[in-house]
Amino acid sequence: MMNEFVGKKLGELLAFNRVGTDTYEKGRASLVIALGGEKFLDVEEKNRMHGEKIMRLATEGGVIDVTLAKATATEEKLKSMRDLYVADQWDNPTELMEWSGFFEGAAIVHWALMRGAAEGLNHEGLLALTEEGVNWHYEMLEMAEGHLETIGQSKSIA
């Protein structure tokens, strides 16, 4: 059985997951340009799988109600931050990659906190998911960084 702290932190992860999904939907055209079609589809699929695993673990841990409530509250905050940052630039791949830097960095630290909880609980399933989550969000951050570096190089000589 998981406690309320763990349930809330799972909710925060679920919120990042939901905002990721919403961002991929709203920014699809620009993100396909930035990432390429195949990578974009891989990102969507990995995100979907993480969301399903979070829900399953929260249900199995007996904290699904806490998780869902926290996810809703955190999702609103994250969307508000994203929408303030991106504004009307959904068609701008560079702007979305810049937002991704903020988003992925914040996701990494939330996944790391949850990894610590998994270690404290000695919960193998949660630990495996959090290791995967931390690594994947680092990969996403590096992808955004690489894209932005390339854009900076090309725009500096244009």
Protein backbone atom coordinates (compact mmCIF):
# COMPACT_ATOMS: atom_id res chain seq x y z
CA MET A 1 0.00 0.00 0.00
CA MET A 2 1.24 3.47 -0.88
CA ASN A 3 0.78 6.54 1.29
CA GLU A 4 -0.71 9.93 0.42
CA PHE A 5 2.68 11.48 -0.40
CA VAL A 6 3.37 8.80 -3.00
CA GLY A 7 -0.16 9.14 -4.37
CA LYS A 8 0.26 12.89 -4.82
CA LYS A 9 3.65 12.52 -6.47
CA LEU A 10 2.20 9.95 -8.87
CA GLY A 11 -0.46 12.56 -9.59
CA GLU A 12 2.19 15.09 -10.49
CA LEU A 13 3.79 12.61 -12.87
CA LEU A 14 0.39 11.95 -14.39
CA ALA A 15 -0.11 15.70 -14.84
CA PHE A 16 3.17 15.97 -16.75
CA ASN A 17 2.02 13.04 -18.83
CA ARG A 18 -1.32 14.66 -19.62
CA VAL A 19 0.22 18.02 -20.48
CA GLY A 20 2.71 16.23 -22.70
CA THR A 21 -0.16 14.55 -24.53
CA ASP A 22 -2.03 17.85 -24.87
CA THR A 23 1.12 19.60 -26.12
CA TYR A 24 1.75 16.88 -28.71
CA GLU A 25 -1.81 17.28 -29.97
CA LYS A 26 -1.75 21.09 -30.11
CA GLY A 27 1.76 21.33 -31.51
CA ARG A 28 1.70 18.26 -33.75
CA ALA A 29 2.68 20.01 -37.00
CA SER A 30 5.57 21.94 -35.43
CA LEU A 31 6.80 19.00 -33.39
CA VAL A 32 6.85 16.75 -36.45
CA ILE A 33 9.02 19.38 -38.15
CA ALA A 34 11.33 19.57 -35.11
CA LEU A 35 11.55 15.85 -34.32
CA GLY A 36 10.66 14.10 -37.54
CA GLY A 37 7.54 12.01 -38.03
CA GLU A 38 8.89 8.71 -36.75
CA LYS A 39 10.44 10.17 -33.61
CA PHE A 40 7.28 12.15 -32.91
CA LEU A 41 5.21 8.94 -33.04
CA ASP A 42 7.72 7.23 -30.73
CA VAL A 43 7.41 10.11 -28.26
CA GLU A 44 3.63 9.89 -28.29
CA GLU A 45 3.71 6.13 -27.72
CA LYS A 46 6.25 6.30 -24.88
CA ASN A 47 4.21 9.02 -23.20
CA ARG A 48 1.02 6.95 -23.55
CA MET A 49 2.72 3.91 -22.01
CA HIS A 50 4.02 5.95 -19.06
CA GLY A 51 0.52 7.28 -18.38
CA GLU A 52 -0.93 3.77 -18.36
CA LYS A 53 1.77 2.53 -16.00
CA ILE A 54 1.27 5.43 -13.60
CA MET A 55 -2.47 4.74 -13.48
CA ARG A 56 -1.91 1.03 -12.91
CA LEU A 57 0.57 1.60 -10.07
CA ALA A 58 -1.69 4.17 -8.39
CA THR A 59 -4.62 1.77 -8.62
CA GLU A 60 -2.62 -1.17 -7.30
CA GLY A 61 -1.18 1.03 -4.53
CA GLY A 62 -4.64 2.09 -3.37
CA VAL A 63 -4.02 5.80 -4.02
CA ILE A 64 -5.84 6.34 -7.31
CA ASP A 65 -8.25 8.94 -5.89
CA VAL A 66 -5.39 11.00 -4.42
CA THR A 67 -3.40 10.59 -7.64
CA LEU A 68 -6.25 11.75 -9.89
CA ALA A 69 -7.08 14.75 -7.70
CA LYS A 70 -3.45 15.89 -7.63
CA ALA A 71 -3.08 15.26 -11.36
CA THR A 72 -6.00 17.55 -12.14
CA ALA A 73 -4.68 20.40 -9.99
CA THR A 74 -1.11 20.11 -11.26
CA GLU A 75 -2.24 19.74 -14.88
CA GLU A 76 -4.03 23.10 -14.66
CA LYS A 77 -0.89 24.80 -13.36
CA LEU A 78 1.35 23.23 -16.00
CA LYS A 79 -1.03 24.11 -18.85
CA SER A 80 -1.24 27.67 -17.58
CA MET A 81 2.56 27.98 -17.57
CA ARG A 82 2.83 26.39 -21.01
CA ASP A 83 0.11 28.51 -22.53
CA LEU A 84 1.64 31.69 -21.13
CA TYR A 85 5.01 30.72 -22.59
CA VAL A 86 3.91 29.39 -25.99
CA ALA A 87 1.05 31.91 -26.43
CA ASP A 88 0.18 31.99 -30.13
CA GLN A 89 3.40 30.32 -31.29
CA TRP A 90 2.07 26.77 -31.74
CA ASP A 91 3.25 26.84 -35.35
CA ASN A 92 6.82 27.70 -34.31
CA PRO A 93 8.98 24.58 -33.74
CA THR A 94 11.70 26.62 -32.04
CA GLU A 95 9.28 28.10 -29.51
CA LEU A 96 7.95 24.61 -28.68
CA MET A 97 11.48 23.27 -28.25
CA GLU A 98 12.31 26.19 -25.94
CA TRP A 99 9.22 25.40 -23.87
CA SER A 100 10.33 21.76 -23.85
CA GLY A 101 13.49 22.79 -22.02
CA PHE A 102 11.45 24.09 -19.10
CA PHE A 103 8.98 21.23 -19.23
CA GLU A 104 11.49 18.39 -19.48
CA GLY A 105 13.72 19.80 -16.75
CA ALA A 106 10.77 20.03 -14.40
CA ALA A 107 9.64 16.54 -15.39
CA ILE A 108 13.09 15.12 -14.62
CA VAL A 109 13.13 16.42 -11.06
CA HIS A 110 9.58 15.17 -10.42
CA TRP A 111 10.48 11.72 -11.75
CA ALA A 112 13.66 11.75 -9.62
CA LEU A 113 11.64 12.52 -6.48
CA MET A 114 9.36 9.61 -7.32
CA ARG A 115 12.40 7.39 -7.90
CA GLY A 116 13.49 8.20 -4.36
CA ALA A 117 10.05 7.21 -3.09
CA ALA A 118 10.28 3.96 -5.05
CA GLU A 119 13.64 3.25 -3.45
CA GLY A 120 12.23 4.04 0.00
CA LEU A 121 9.31 1.67 -0.61
CA ASN A 122 11.56 -0.92 -2.21
CA HIS A 123 8.91 -1.12 -4.95
CA GLU A 124 10.47 -2.80 -7.98
CA GLY A 125 7.73 -1.89 -10.45
CA LEU A 126 7.72 1.76 -9.44
CA LEU A 127 11.51 1.87 -9.42
CA ALA A 128 11.68 0.45 -12.94
CA LEU A 129 9.13 2.99 -14.18
CA THR A 130 10.86 5.93 -12.51
CA GLU A 131 14.27 4.92 -13.90
CA GLU A 132 12.69 4.77 -17.34
CA GLY A 133 10.92 8.10 -16.80
CA VAL A 134 14.03 9.94 -15.66
CA ASN A 135 16.07 8.56 -18.55
CA TRP A 136 13.38 9.30 -21.13
CA HIS A 137 12.92 12.91 -20.01
CA TYR A 138 16.70 13.43 -20.11
CA GLU A 139 16.60 12.09 -23.67
CA MET A 140 13.78 14.50 -24.50
CA LEU A 141 15.70 17.42 -22.97
CA GLU A 142 18.80 16.51 -24.99
CA MET A 143 16.69 16.31 -28.14
CA ALA A 144 15.32 19.81 -27.53
CA GLU A 145 18.80 21.09 -26.78
CA GLY A 146 20.21 19.59 -29.98
CA HIS A 147 17.39 21.01 -32.08
CA LEU A 148 17.85 24.47 -30.58
CA GLU A 149 21.61 24.41 -31.03
CA THR A 150 21.16 23.59 -34.71
CA ILE A 151 18.59 26.37 -35.09
CA GLY A 152 20.91 28.82 -33.37
CA GLN A 153 23.73 27.90 -35.75
CA SER A 154 21.60 28.28 -38.87
CA LYS A 155 19.88 31.51 -37.78
CA SER A 156 23.18 33.16 -36.82
CA ILE A 157 24.41 33.04 -40.41
CA ALA A 158 21.12 33.62 -42.22
